[in-house]
Amino acid sequence: MKIVVVGGSGTIGQAVVSVLRSNHEVLCATRRGRELSVDMTDKRSIESMFKSVGEFDALVVASGKVHFAPLDEMSDETYLIGIENKLMGSVNLALSAIPNLTYGGSITLTTGLLNRDPIVQSSSAAMVNGALEAFVKAAAIEMPRGIRINVVSPTVITESMPAYGEYFKGYIPVDVATAAQAYVKSIEGAQTGQVYCVDR
């Protein structure tokens, strides 16, 4: 299969690219990518990327920015960071991919555990994750040509604990290679409208 991975340079994205490249043609898209360049907050950039790719079989979005801050410091502007980047960026990537996806192709988005198990300062991340998961469940029943759409929702990643462990005390992390297998399941399996929670 020909697979586009947006955010392929991140911790999860690199692991997804690595596991998929053993069996598939994988194109890695990042903001300043060598293979593919895309700004997920810009619909024209998204459309330009897909035009350059042509027909393909699967899209993975392993990217997206949100703002972490105490609730009493959040504002319209700080909530819009997550809404315009991770939420609408993922939605626009999914919708723009549809015309180029082959029959039975797949779309896999990424959320995280914070909408089901929040931490302090995570109201934006929780809101965006919940919205994306609701979008996937609703979009799945309207996808054309047998296209499937799922979302992977991992807990905190072991390899990220040196940077984020202070915020996730008591949480049991999961290795990034384990999380990457959920993307393989989404792409190579047959399910749609699913939230794959990776907690262990």
C-alpha atoms as a PDB file:
ATOM      1  CA  MET A   1       0.000   0.000   0.000  1.00  0.00           C
ATOM      2  CA  LYS A   2       0.931   3.632  -0.493  1.00  0.00           C
ATOM      3  CA  ILE A   3       0.577   5.383   2.863  1.00  0.00           C
ATOM      4  CA  VAL A   4       0.910   9.063   3.802  1.00  0.00           C
ATOM      5  CA  VAL A   5       1.969   9.724   7.403  1.00  0.00           C
ATOM      6  CA  VAL A   6       1.521  13.327   8.551  1.00  0.00           C
ATOM      7  CA  GLY A   7       3.748  14.017  11.541  1.00  0.00           C
ATOM      8  CA  GLY A   8       6.201  11.292  10.679  1.00  0.00           C
ATOM      9  CA  SER A   9       9.067  13.015  12.475  1.00  0.00           C
ATOM     10  CA  GLY A  10       7.443  12.936  15.935  1.00  0.00           C
ATOM     11  CA  THR A  11       7.874  10.223  18.554  1.00  0.00           C
ATOM     12  CA  ILE A  12       4.774   8.271  17.502  1.00  0.00           C
ATOM     13  CA  GLY A  13       5.085   9.210  13.838  1.00  0.00           C
ATOM     14  CA  GLN A  14       8.624   7.845  13.555  1.00  0.00           C
ATOM     15  CA  ALA A  15       7.568   4.532  15.075  1.00  0.00           C
ATOM     16  CA  VAL A  16       4.569   4.301  12.732  1.00  0.00           C
ATOM     17  CA  VAL A  17       6.730   5.045   9.693  1.00  0.00           C
ATOM     18  CA  SER A  18       9.290   2.471  10.813  1.00  0.00           C
ATOM     19  CA  VAL A  19       6.801  -0.365  11.303  1.00  0.00           C
ATOM     20  CA  LEU A  20       4.897   0.375   8.097  1.00  0.00           C
ATOM     21  CA  ARG A  21       7.950   0.682   5.827  1.00  0.00           C
ATOM     22  CA  SER A  22       8.692  -3.016   6.170  1.00  0.00           C
ATOM     23  CA  ASN A  23       5.605  -3.828   4.066  1.00  0.00           C
ATOM     24  CA  HIS A  24       4.424  -0.624   2.413  1.00  0.00           C
ATOM     25  CA  GLU A  25       5.470   2.475   0.504  1.00  0.00           C
ATOM     26  CA  VAL A  26       5.387   5.236   3.124  1.00  0.00           C
ATOM     27  CA  LEU A  27       5.503   8.967   2.424  1.00  0.00           C
ATOM     28  CA  CYS A  28       6.391  11.078   5.450  1.00  0.00           C
ATOM     29  CA  ALA A  29       4.818  14.554   5.600  1.00  0.00           C
ATOM     30  CA  THR A  30       5.982  17.263   7.994  1.00  0.00           C
ATOM     31  CA  ARG A  31       5.858  21.042   8.106  1.00  0.00           C
ATOM     32  CA  ARG A  32       9.324  21.278   6.548  1.00  0.00           C
ATOM     33  CA  GLY A  33       9.499  17.778   5.125  1.00  0.00           C
ATOM     34  CA  ARG A  34      11.947  16.474   2.561  1.00  0.00           C
ATOM     35  CA  GLU A  35       9.503  13.886   1.184  1.00  0.00           C
ATOM     36  CA  LEU A  36       6.295  15.877   1.623  1.00  0.00           C
ATOM     37  CA  SER A  37       5.667  19.298   3.125  1.00  0.00           C
ATOM     38  CA  VAL A  38       2.345  20.255   4.709  1.00  0.00           C
ATOM     39  CA  ASP A  39       0.969  22.849   7.099  1.00  0.00           C
ATOM     40  CA  MET A  40      -2.059  21.165   8.662  1.00  0.00           C
ATOM     41  CA  THR A  41      -3.552  24.554   9.598  1.00  0.00           C
ATOM     42  CA  ASP A  42      -3.653  25.627   5.935  1.00  0.00           C
ATOM     43  CA  LYS A  43      -6.209  23.959   3.638  1.00  0.00           C
ATOM     44  CA  ARG A  44      -4.338  25.085   0.532  1.00  0.00           C
ATOM     45  CA  SER A  45      -1.177  23.433   1.811  1.00  0.00           C
ATOM     46  CA  ILE A  46      -3.128  20.232   2.516  1.00  0.00           C
ATOM     47  CA  GLU A  47      -4.716  20.210  -0.940  1.00  0.00           C
ATOM     48  CA  SER A  48      -1.349  20.886  -2.573  1.00  0.00           C
ATOM     49  CA  MET A  49       0.223  17.944  -0.747  1.00  0.00           C
ATOM     50  CA  PHE A  50      -2.495  15.517  -1.818  1.00  0.00           C
ATOM     51  CA  LYS A  51      -2.295  16.785  -5.387  1.00  0.00           C
ATOM     52  CA  SER A  52       1.419  15.933  -5.422  1.00  0.00           C
ATOM     53  CA  VAL A  53       0.777  12.478  -3.912  1.00  0.00           C
ATOM     54  CA  GLY A  54      -1.954  11.432  -6.330  1.00  0.00           C
ATOM     55  CA  GLU A  55      -3.846   8.220  -5.582  1.00  0.00           C
ATOM     56  CA  PHE A  56      -2.929   6.469  -2.328  1.00  0.00           C
ATOM     57  CA  ASP A  57      -4.288   3.859   0.068  1.00  0.00           C
ATOM     58  CA  ALA A  58      -4.061   5.165   3.623  1.00  0.00           C
ATOM     59  CA  LEU A  59      -3.593   8.360   5.611  1.00  0.00           C
ATOM     60  CA  VAL A  60      -2.181   8.546   9.131  1.00  0.00           C
ATOM     61  CA  VAL A  61      -2.260  11.812  11.080  1.00  0.00           C
ATOM     62  CA  ALA A  62       0.143  11.625  14.032  1.00  0.00           C
ATOM     63  CA  SER A  63       0.452  15.342  14.583  1.00  0.00           C
ATOM     64  CA  GLY A  64      -1.396  18.197  16.196  1.00  0.00           C
ATOM     65  CA  LYS A  65      -0.763  21.031  18.622  1.00  0.00           C
ATOM     66  CA  VAL A  66      -2.801  22.032  21.698  1.00  0.00           C
ATOM     67  CA  HIS A  67      -2.173  24.533  24.487  1.00  0.00           C
ATOM     68  CA  PHE A  68      -1.618  23.429  28.088  1.00  0.00           C
ATOM     69  CA  ALA A  69      -2.352  25.981  30.818  1.00  0.00           C
ATOM     70  CA  PRO A  70      -4.368  26.323  34.049  1.00  0.00           C
ATOM     71  CA  LEU A  71      -8.076  26.687  33.398  1.00  0.00           C
ATOM     72  CA  ASP A  72      -8.189  30.251  34.732  1.00  0.00           C
ATOM     73  CA  GLU A  73      -5.490  31.250  32.237  1.00  0.00           C
ATOM     74  CA  MET A  74      -7.181  29.788  29.181  1.00  0.00           C
ATOM     75  CA  SER A  75      -8.801  32.148  26.674  1.00  0.00           C
ATOM     76  CA  ASP A  76     -10.462  32.133  23.270  1.00  0.00           C
ATOM     77  CA  GLU A  77      -7.025  32.498  21.695  1.00  0.00           C
ATOM     78  CA  THR A  78      -5.391  29.638  23.592  1.00  0.00           C
ATOM     79  CA  TYR A  79      -8.315  27.258  22.955  1.00  0.00           C
ATOM     80  CA  LEU A  80      -8.186  28.173  19.266  1.00  0.00           C
ATOM     81  CA  ILE A  81      -4.612  26.815  19.070  1.00  0.00           C
ATOM     82  CA  GLY A  82      -5.903  23.272  19.547  1.00  0.00           C
ATOM     83  CA  ILE A  83      -9.091  23.848  17.578  1.00  0.00           C
ATOM     84  CA  GLU A  84      -7.342  25.256  14.505  1.00  0.00           C
ATOM     85  CA  ASN A  85      -4.324  22.944  14.635  1.00  0.00           C
ATOM     86  CA  LYS A  86      -5.083  19.463  15.988  1.00  0.00           C
ATOM     87  CA  LEU A  87      -8.868  19.429  15.571  1.00  0.00           C
ATOM     88  CA  MET A  88      -9.555  21.176  12.274  1.00  0.00           C
ATOM     89  CA  GLY A  89      -6.123  20.235  10.920  1.00  0.00           C
ATOM     90  CA  SER A  90      -6.952  16.543  11.386  1.00  0.00           C
ATOM     91  CA  VAL A  91     -10.495  16.991  10.082  1.00  0.00           C
ATOM     92  CA  ASN A  92      -9.327  18.889   6.988  1.00  0.00           C
ATOM     93  CA  LEU A  93      -6.625  16.311   6.277  1.00  0.00           C
ATOM     94  CA  ALA A  94      -9.218  13.535   6.509  1.00  0.00           C
ATOM     95  CA  LEU A  95     -11.767  15.259   4.287  1.00  0.00           C
ATOM     96  CA  SER A  96      -9.207  16.396   1.715  1.00  0.00           C
ATOM     97  CA  ALA A  97      -7.764  12.881   1.486  1.00  0.00           C
ATOM     98  CA  ILE A  98     -11.045  11.247   0.455  1.00  0.00           C
ATOM     99  CA  PRO A  99     -10.937  12.051  -3.299  1.00  0.00           C
ATOM    100  CA  ASN A 100      -7.436  10.561  -3.611  1.00  0.00           C
ATOM    101  CA  LEU A 101      -7.967   7.458  -1.490  1.00  0.00           C
ATOM    102  CA  THR A 102      -8.439   4.137  -3.251  1.00  0.00           C
ATOM    103  CA  TYR A 103     -11.565   2.017  -2.751  1.00  0.00           C
ATOM    104  CA  GLY A 104     -11.423   0.530   0.745  1.00  0.00           C
ATOM    105  CA  GLY A 105      -8.681   2.929   1.799  1.00  0.00           C
ATOM    106  CA  SER A 106      -8.277   4.125   5.370  1.00  0.00           C
ATOM    107  CA  ILE A 107      -7.775   7.214   7.495  1.00  0.00           C
ATOM    108  CA  THR A 108      -6.261   7.013  10.992  1.00  0.00           C
ATOM    109  CA  LEU A 109      -6.247  10.037  13.286  1.00  0.00           C
ATOM    110  CA  THR A 110      -4.588  10.430  16.690  1.00  0.00           C
ATOM    111  CA  THR A 111      -5.972  11.643  20.004  1.00  0.00           C
ATOM    112  CA  GLY A 112      -4.732  10.551  23.436  1.00  0.00           C
ATOM    113  CA  LEU A 113      -5.976   9.625  26.886  1.00  0.00           C
ATOM    114  CA  LEU A 114      -6.667  13.118  28.228  1.00  0.00           C
ATOM    115  CA  ASN A 115     -10.352  13.249  27.296  1.00  0.00           C
ATOM    116  CA  ARG A 116     -10.976  10.022  29.256  1.00  0.00           C
ATOM    117  CA  ASP A 117      -8.346  10.487  32.000  1.00  0.00           C
ATOM    118  CA  PRO A 118      -7.392  14.178  32.250  1.00  0.00           C
ATOM    119  CA  ILE A 119      -4.509  15.842  34.040  1.00  0.00           C
ATOM    120  CA  VAL A 120      -4.184  19.398  35.348  1.00  0.00           C
ATOM    121  CA  GLN A 121      -3.934  22.034  32.585  1.00  0.00           C
ATOM    122  CA  SER A 122      -5.312  19.667  29.925  1.00  0.00           C
ATOM    123  CA  SER A 123      -8.749  21.184  29.232  1.00  0.00           C
ATOM    124  CA  SER A 124      -7.837  22.085  25.643  1.00  0.00           C
ATOM    125  CA  ALA A 125      -6.338  18.675  24.872  1.00  0.00           C
ATOM    126  CA  ALA A 126      -9.313  16.900  26.457  1.00  0.00           C
ATOM    127  CA  MET A 127     -11.788  18.999  24.456  1.00  0.00           C
ATOM    128  CA  VAL A 128     -10.003  18.492  21.143  1.00  0.00           C
ATOM    129  CA  ASN A 129      -9.496  14.755  21.681  1.00  0.00           C
ATOM    130  CA  GLY A 130     -13.162  14.266  22.527  1.00  0.00           C
ATOM    131  CA  ALA A 131     -14.255  16.222  19.474  1.00  0.00           C
ATOM    132  CA  LEU A 132     -11.971  14.236  17.150  1.00  0.00           C
ATOM    133  CA  GLU A 133     -13.224  10.914  18.469  1.00  0.00           C
ATOM    134  CA  ALA A 134     -16.834  12.038  17.992  1.00  0.00           C
ATOM    135  CA  PHE A 135     -16.000  13.172  14.450  1.00  0.00           C
ATOM    136  CA  VAL A 136     -14.491   9.788  13.578  1.00  0.00           C
ATOM    137  CA  LYS A 137     -17.503   7.847  14.862  1.00  0.00           C
ATOM    138  CA  ALA A 138     -19.915  10.047  12.894  1.00  0.00           C
ATOM    139  CA  ALA A 139     -17.792  10.292   9.744  1.00  0.00           C
ATOM    140  CA  ALA A 140     -17.403   6.503   9.568  1.00  0.00           C
ATOM    141  CA  ILE A 141     -21.069   6.015   8.669  1.00  0.00           C
ATOM    142  CA  GLU A 142     -20.830   8.431   5.725  1.00  0.00           C
ATOM    143  CA  MET A 143     -17.482   7.527   4.170  1.00  0.00           C
ATOM    144  CA  PRO A 144     -17.750   6.779   0.432  1.00  0.00           C
ATOM    145  CA  ARG A 145     -16.262   3.870  -1.542  1.00  0.00           C
ATOM    146  CA  GLY A 146     -15.660   1.649   1.460  1.00  0.00           C
ATOM    147  CA  ILE A 147     -13.162   4.069   2.996  1.00  0.00           C
ATOM    148  CA  ARG A 148     -12.620   3.432   6.691  1.00  0.00           C
ATOM    149  CA  ILE A 149     -11.751   5.944   9.433  1.00  0.00           C
ATOM    150  CA  ASN A 150     -10.468   5.214  12.944  1.00  0.00           C
ATOM    151  CA  VAL A 151      -8.566   6.974  15.702  1.00  0.00           C
ATOM    152  CA  VAL A 152      -5.685   5.786  17.894  1.00  0.00           C
ATOM    153  CA  SER A 153      -5.734   7.034  21.491  1.00  0.00           C
ATOM    154  CA  PRO A 154      -2.536   6.108  23.340  1.00  0.00           C
ATOM    155  CA  THR A 155      -1.679   6.773  26.949  1.00  0.00           C
ATOM    156  CA  VAL A 156       1.555   8.622  27.714  1.00  0.00           C
ATOM    157  CA  ILE A 157       4.466   7.137  25.753  1.00  0.00           C
ATOM    158  CA  THR A 158       7.425   5.602  27.597  1.00  0.00           C
ATOM    159  CA  GLU A 159       9.915   7.434  25.392  1.00  0.00           C
ATOM    160  CA  SER A 160       8.242  10.752  26.296  1.00  0.00           C
ATOM    161  CA  MET A 161       8.347  10.242  30.047  1.00  0.00           C
ATOM    162  CA  PRO A 162      11.663  12.130  30.548  1.00  0.00           C
ATOM    163  CA  ALA A 163       9.914  15.263  29.226  1.00  0.00           C
ATOM    164  CA  TYR A 164       6.354  14.716  30.475  1.00  0.00           C
ATOM    165  CA  GLY A 165       6.617  12.278  33.382  1.00  0.00           C
ATOM    166  CA  GLU A 166       6.191  15.047  35.962  1.00  0.00           C
ATOM    167  CA  TYR A 167       2.665  15.645  34.634  1.00  0.00           C
ATOM    168  CA  PHE A 168       1.696  11.959  34.473  1.00  0.00           C
ATOM    169  CA  LYS A 169       2.549  10.695  37.951  1.00  0.00           C
ATOM    170  CA  GLY A 170       0.924   7.335  38.588  1.00  0.00           C
ATOM    171  CA  TYR A 171       0.205   6.720  34.908  1.00  0.00           C
ATOM    172  CA  ILE A 172       1.639   3.560  33.386  1.00  0.00           C
ATOM    173  CA  PRO A 173       3.272   4.454  30.069  1.00  0.00           C
ATOM    174  CA  VAL A 174       3.261   2.344  26.926  1.00  0.00           C
ATOM    175  CA  ASP A 175       6.212   1.838  24.591  1.00  0.00           C
ATOM    176  CA  VAL A 176       5.931   3.689  21.296  1.00  0.00           C
ATOM    177  CA  ALA A 177       6.387   0.428  19.360  1.00  0.00           C
ATOM    178  CA  THR A 178       3.259  -0.933  21.059  1.00  0.00           C
ATOM    179  CA  ALA A 179       1.287   2.196  20.191  1.00  0.00           C
ATOM    180  CA  ALA A 180       2.438   1.902  16.568  1.00  0.00           C
ATOM    181  CA  GLN A 181       0.749  -1.497  16.269  1.00  0.00           C
ATOM    182  CA  ALA A 182      -2.651   0.149  16.735  1.00  0.00           C
ATOM    183  CA  TYR A 183      -2.014   2.108  13.540  1.00  0.00           C
ATOM    184  CA  VAL A 184      -1.172  -1.144  11.730  1.00  0.00           C
ATOM    185  CA  LYS A 185      -4.482  -2.577  12.985  1.00  0.00           C
ATOM    186  CA  SER A 186      -6.365   0.460  11.722  1.00  0.00           C
ATOM    187  CA  ILE A 187      -4.708   0.391   8.297  1.00  0.00           C
ATOM    188  CA  GLU A 188      -4.524  -3.328   7.613  1.00  0.00           C
ATOM    189  CA  GLY A 189      -7.677  -4.404   9.465  1.00  0.00           C
ATOM    190  CA  ALA A 190     -11.319  -4.084   8.469  1.00  0.00           C
ATOM    191  CA  GLN A 191     -12.892  -2.037  11.258  1.00  0.00           C
ATOM    192  CA  THR A 192     -14.176   1.513  10.991  1.00  0.00           C
ATOM    193  CA  GLY A 193     -15.440   4.158  13.405  1.00  0.00           C
ATOM    194  CA  GLN A 194     -13.239   2.742  16.148  1.00  0.00           C
ATOM    195  CA  VAL A 195     -11.247   4.383  18.942  1.00  0.00           C
ATOM    196  CA  TYR A 196      -8.214   2.193  19.598  1.00  0.00           C
ATOM    197  CA  CYS A 197      -7.165   2.931  23.183  1.00  0.00           C
ATOM    198  CA  VAL A 198      -3.567   1.871  23.804  1.00  0.00           C
ATOM    199  CA  ASP A 199      -3.135   1.668  27.567  1.00  0.00           C
ATOM    200  CA  ARG A 200      -0.753  -1.265  27.927  1.00  0.00           C
END
